[in-house]
C-alpha atoms as a PDB file:
ATOM      1  CA  MET A   1    -131.311-151.927 139.715  1.00  0.00           C
ATOM      2  CA  GLN A   2    -129.490-148.605 139.324  1.00  0.00           C
ATOM      3  CA  ARG A   3    -132.250-146.883 141.302  1.00  0.00           C
ATOM      4  CA  ARG A   4    -131.989-149.403 144.144  1.00  0.00           C
ATOM      5  CA  ILE A   5    -128.193-148.959 144.366  1.00  0.00           C
ATOM      6  CA  ARG A   6    -128.582-145.190 144.474  1.00  0.00           C
ATOM      7  CA  TYR A   7    -131.271-145.527 147.197  1.00  0.00           C
ATOM      8  CA  TRP A   8    -129.009-147.670 149.386  1.00  0.00           C
ATOM      9  CA  GLY A   9    -126.067-145.372 148.673  1.00  0.00           C
ATOM     10  CA  ILE A  10    -128.056-142.357 149.892  1.00  0.00           C
ATOM     11  CA  CYS A  11    -129.211-144.262 152.994  1.00  0.00           C
ATOM     12  CA  PHE A  12    -125.620-145.282 153.734  1.00  0.00           C
ATOM     13  CA  ALA A  13    -124.393-141.683 153.309  1.00  0.00           C
ATOM     14  CA  ILE A  14    -127.086-140.373 155.661  1.00  0.00           C
ATOM     15  CA  LEU A  15    -126.312-143.040 158.229  1.00  0.00           C
ATOM     16  CA  CYS A  16    -122.563-142.378 158.097  1.00  0.00           C
ATOM     17  CA  GLY A  17    -123.035-138.623 158.214  1.00  0.00           C
ATOM     18  CA  THR A  18    -125.233-138.732 161.303  1.00  0.00           C
ATOM     19  CA  SER A  19    -123.432-137.703 164.458  1.00  0.00           C
ATOM     20  CA  THR A  20    -123.238-140.360 167.162  1.00  0.00           C
ATOM     21  CA  ALA A  21    -122.239-137.905 169.886  1.00  0.00           C
ATOM     22  CA  HIS A  22    -125.715-137.912 171.400  1.00  0.00           C
ATOM     23  CA  ALA A  23    -125.545-141.652 171.898  1.00  0.00           C
ATOM     24  CA  GLN A  24    -122.364-141.160 173.904  1.00  0.00           C
ATOM     25  CA  LEU A  25    -123.668-138.381 176.145  1.00  0.00           C
ATOM     26  CA  PHE A  26    -124.535-139.230 179.745  1.00  0.00           C
ATOM     27  CA  GLU A  27    -128.055-139.205 181.158  1.00  0.00           C
ATOM     28  CA  ALA A  28    -129.349-140.037 184.627  1.00  0.00           C
ATOM     29  CA  ASP A  29    -133.025-140.353 185.527  1.00  0.00           C
ATOM     30  CA  SER A  30    -134.151-140.427 189.164  1.00  0.00           C
ATOM     31  CA  LYS A  31    -137.116-142.632 188.285  1.00  0.00           C
ATOM     32  CA  ARG A  32    -134.712-145.564 188.007  1.00  0.00           C
ATOM     33  CA  TYR A  33    -134.706-145.684 191.838  1.00  0.00           C
ATOM     34  CA  GLY A  34    -138.463-146.188 191.987  1.00  0.00           C
ATOM     35  CA  ASN A  35    -139.192-143.109 194.115  1.00  0.00           C
ATOM     36  CA  PRO A  36    -142.422-141.626 192.724  1.00  0.00           C
ATOM     37  CA  LYS A  37    -141.898-138.369 194.663  1.00  0.00           C
ATOM     38  CA  MET A  38    -138.654-137.511 192.845  1.00  0.00           C
ATOM     39  CA  ASP A  39    -138.561-136.855 189.096  1.00  0.00           C
ATOM     40  CA  ILE A  40    -135.230-135.382 188.027  1.00  0.00           C
ATOM     41  CA  VAL A  41    -133.396-135.929 184.756  1.00  0.00           C
ATOM     42  CA  MET A  42    -129.770-134.875 184.382  1.00  0.00           C
ATOM     43  CA  THR A  43    -128.530-134.855 180.789  1.00  0.00           C
ATOM     44  CA  GLU A  44    -125.071-134.116 179.446  1.00  0.00           C
ATOM     45  CA  VAL A  45    -125.793-131.769 176.536  1.00  0.00           C
ATOM     46  CA  GLU A  46    -122.244-130.845 175.575  1.00  0.00           C
ATOM     47  CA  ARG A  47    -118.947-132.628 176.028  1.00  0.00           C
ATOM     48  CA  ARG A  48    -115.729-130.613 176.100  1.00  0.00           C
ATOM     49  CA  PRO A  49    -112.181-131.968 176.528  1.00  0.00           C
ATOM     50  CA  ASN A  50    -112.122-131.661 180.349  1.00  0.00           C
ATOM     51  CA  SER A  51    -115.645-130.562 181.159  1.00  0.00           C
ATOM     52  CA  SER A  52    -119.293-131.277 180.485  1.00  0.00           C
ATOM     53  CA  VAL A  53    -122.358-129.070 180.251  1.00  0.00           C
ATOM     54  CA  ILE A  54    -125.279-130.737 181.977  1.00  0.00           C
ATOM     55  CA  ASP A  55    -128.929-129.811 181.829  1.00  0.00           C
ATOM     56  CA  ILE A  56    -131.105-130.499 184.858  1.00  0.00           C
ATOM     57  CA  LYS A  57    -134.868-130.889 184.518  1.00  0.00           C
ATOM     58  CA  ILE A  58    -136.769-131.109 187.792  1.00  0.00           C
ATOM     59  CA  THR A  59    -140.422-132.125 187.543  1.00  0.00           C
ATOM     60  CA  SER A  60    -140.733-133.155 191.195  1.00  0.00           C
ATOM     61  CA  ILE A  61    -137.919-132.665 193.708  1.00  0.00           C
ATOM     62  CA  GLY A  62    -138.931-135.174 196.378  1.00  0.00           C
ATOM     63  CA  SER A  63    -136.796-134.723 199.489  1.00  0.00           C
ATOM     64  CA  SER A  64    -134.025-132.155 199.298  1.00  0.00           C
ATOM     65  CA  VAL A  65    -131.481-134.630 200.677  1.00  0.00           C
ATOM     66  CA  GLY A  66    -132.517-137.365 198.242  1.00  0.00           C
ATOM     67  CA  SER A  67    -132.445-135.042 195.236  1.00  0.00           C
ATOM     68  CA  SER A  68    -129.071-133.610 196.276  1.00  0.00           C
ATOM     69  CA  PHE A  69    -127.568-137.084 196.531  1.00  0.00           C
ATOM     70  CA  PHE A  70    -129.112-138.118 193.221  1.00  0.00           C
ATOM     71  CA  LEU A  71    -127.453-135.157 191.472  1.00  0.00           C
ATOM     72  CA  LEU A  72    -124.143-135.604 193.290  1.00  0.00           C
ATOM     73  CA  CYS A  73    -123.951-139.340 192.580  1.00  0.00           C
ATOM     74  CA  SER A  74    -124.966-138.799 188.960  1.00  0.00           C
ATOM     75  CA  ILE A  75    -122.174-136.243 188.538  1.00  0.00           C
ATOM     76  CA  ARG A  76    -119.789-138.699 190.195  1.00  0.00           C
ATOM     77  CA  GLN A  77    -120.867-141.399 187.745  1.00  0.00           C
ATOM     78  CA  LEU A  78    -120.368-138.997 184.823  1.00  0.00           C
ATOM     79  CA  ALA A  79    -116.847-138.162 186.068  1.00  0.00           C
ATOM     80  CA  GLN A  80    -116.002-141.863 186.329  1.00  0.00           C
ATOM     81  CA  LEU A  81    -117.332-142.586 182.855  1.00  0.00           C
ATOM     82  CA  ARG A  82    -115.475-139.658 181.328  1.00  0.00           C
ATOM     83  CA  GLY A  83    -112.132-141.044 182.510  1.00  0.00           C
ATOM     84  CA  ASN A  84    -112.222-141.895 186.185  1.00  0.00           C
ATOM     85  CA  TYR A  85    -111.856-138.291 187.319  1.00  0.00           C
ATOM     86  CA  ARG A  86    -111.712-137.849 191.093  1.00  0.00           C
ATOM     87  CA  TYR A  87    -112.281-134.090 191.410  1.00  0.00           C
ATOM     88  CA  ILE A  88    -114.774-131.672 189.921  1.00  0.00           C
ATOM     89  CA  VAL A  89    -115.529-127.985 189.876  1.00  0.00           C
ATOM     90  CA  LYS A  90    -119.093-126.941 189.127  1.00  0.00           C
ATOM     91  CA  LEU A  91    -120.364-123.655 187.797  1.00  0.00           C
ATOM     92  CA  GLU A  92    -124.121-123.418 188.249  1.00  0.00           C
ATOM     93  CA  GLY A  93    -126.202-121.462 185.755  1.00  0.00           C
ATOM     94  CA  THR A  94    -123.442-121.780 183.146  1.00  0.00           C
ATOM     95  CA  PRO A  95    -123.682-121.578 180.187  1.00  0.00           C
ATOM     96  CA  LYS A  96    -127.366-120.799 180.888  1.00  0.00           C
ATOM     97  CA  LEU A  97    -130.013-121.054 183.591  1.00  0.00           C
ATOM     98  CA  GLY A  98    -130.892-124.678 184.386  1.00  0.00           C
ATOM     99  CA  GLN A  99    -127.478-125.890 183.299  1.00  0.00           C
ATOM    100  CA  MET A 100    -124.217-126.566 185.046  1.00  0.00           C
ATOM    101  CA  LEU A 101    -120.676-126.638 183.703  1.00  0.00           C
ATOM    102  CA  ILE A 102    -118.710-129.438 185.369  1.00  0.00           C
ATOM    103  CA  GLY A 103    -114.922-129.261 185.184  1.00  0.00           C
ATOM    104  CA  LEU A 104    -113.181-132.632 185.512  1.00  0.00           C
ATOM    105  CA  LEU A 105    -109.850-132.928 187.328  1.00  0.00           C
ATOM    106  CA  ARG A 106    -107.521-135.796 188.143  1.00  0.00           C
ATOM    107  CA  SER A 107    -105.783-133.834 190.898  1.00  0.00           C
ATOM    108  CA  SER A 108    -106.950-131.097 193.230  1.00  0.00           C
ATOM    109  CA  SER A 109    -103.804-129.138 192.356  1.00  0.00           C
ATOM    110  CA  GLU A 110    -104.542-128.819 188.622  1.00  0.00           C
ATOM    111  CA  LYS A 111    -104.875-125.288 187.284  1.00  0.00           C
ATOM    112  CA  LEU A 112    -108.585-124.534 186.859  1.00  0.00           C
ATOM    113  CA  SER A 113    -107.853-122.137 184.017  1.00  0.00           C
ATOM    114  CA  ASP A 114    -106.776-125.186 181.966  1.00  0.00           C
ATOM    115  CA  LEU A 115    -110.413-126.327 182.027  1.00  0.00           C
ATOM    116  CA  GLY A 116    -111.512-123.273 180.086  1.00  0.00           C
ATOM    117  CA  PRO A 117    -111.919-119.521 180.442  1.00  0.00           C
ATOM    118  CA  GLU A 118    -115.063-119.923 182.565  1.00  0.00           C
ATOM    119  CA  PHE A 119    -112.955-121.420 185.360  1.00  0.00           C
ATOM    120  CA  ALA A 120    -110.131-118.849 185.279  1.00  0.00           C
ATOM    121  CA  ASN A 121    -111.377-116.774 188.247  1.00  0.00           C
ATOM    122  CA  VAL A 122    -112.615-119.649 190.401  1.00  0.00           C
ATOM    123  CA  ASP A 123    -110.918-120.165 193.766  1.00  0.00           C
ATOM    124  CA  ALA A 124    -109.761-123.787 193.712  1.00  0.00           C
ATOM    125  CA  LEU A 125    -109.570-124.019 197.519  1.00  0.00           C
ATOM    126  CA  LYS A 126    -113.294-123.232 197.773  1.00  0.00           C
ATOM    127  CA  ALA A 127    -114.615-124.844 194.600  1.00  0.00           C
ATOM    128  CA  VAL A 128    -112.838-128.175 194.023  1.00  0.00           C
ATOM    129  CA  ILE A 129    -114.891-131.149 195.213  1.00  0.00           C
ATOM    130  CA  ASP A 130    -113.333-134.542 195.966  1.00  0.00           C
ATOM    131  CA  LEU A 131    -115.850-137.089 194.687  1.00  0.00           C
ATOM    132  CA  ASP A 132    -114.206-139.963 196.568  1.00  0.00           C
ATOM    133  CA  GLN A 133    -115.641-138.638 199.820  1.00  0.00           C
ATOM    134  CA  PHE A 134    -119.108-139.566 198.496  1.00  0.00           C
ATOM    135  CA  ALA A 135    -118.205-143.045 197.236  1.00  0.00           C
ATOM    136  CA  GLU A 136    -119.824-144.895 200.141  1.00  0.00           C
ATOM    137  CA  ILE A 137    -123.050-142.893 199.929  1.00  0.00           C
ATOM    138  CA  CYS A 138    -123.258-143.315 196.162  1.00  0.00           C
ATOM    139  CA  ALA A 139    -122.705-147.075 196.487  1.00  0.00           C
ATOM    140  CA  PHE A 140    -126.022-147.299 198.381  1.00  0.00           C
ATOM    141  CA  THR A 141    -127.954-145.565 195.587  1.00  0.00           C
ATOM    142  CA  LYS A 142    -127.153-148.168 192.915  1.00  0.00           C
END
């Protein structure tokens, strides 16, 4: 009996000590649209207070327009899930090749440096993207 209690106690401790962050991270897979020519998986690999690091794996790009809209609409969905953010700033190849750092903003006038040191020298007028302008296009991809 003592052995069984200890066994369940260890199992409980392992279960409670396991991080659930991965279960909360966002993932989008282009195969969900049924296009066999496009095979792209976008995975959020790190979540920061006002930004996310995403990893993009491209096995087959399909059409450039289709793949661009898949990535854009997936980022838009991530921004909505993270807190209904309307604006983003993206830094490609950051923190490493094949990844993108996405800064999440509620207003286009927010200071980018508040997102983190990586955004400090980014020109907001050139880099901030209003995701609402793509809402109609993204509605067709669902």
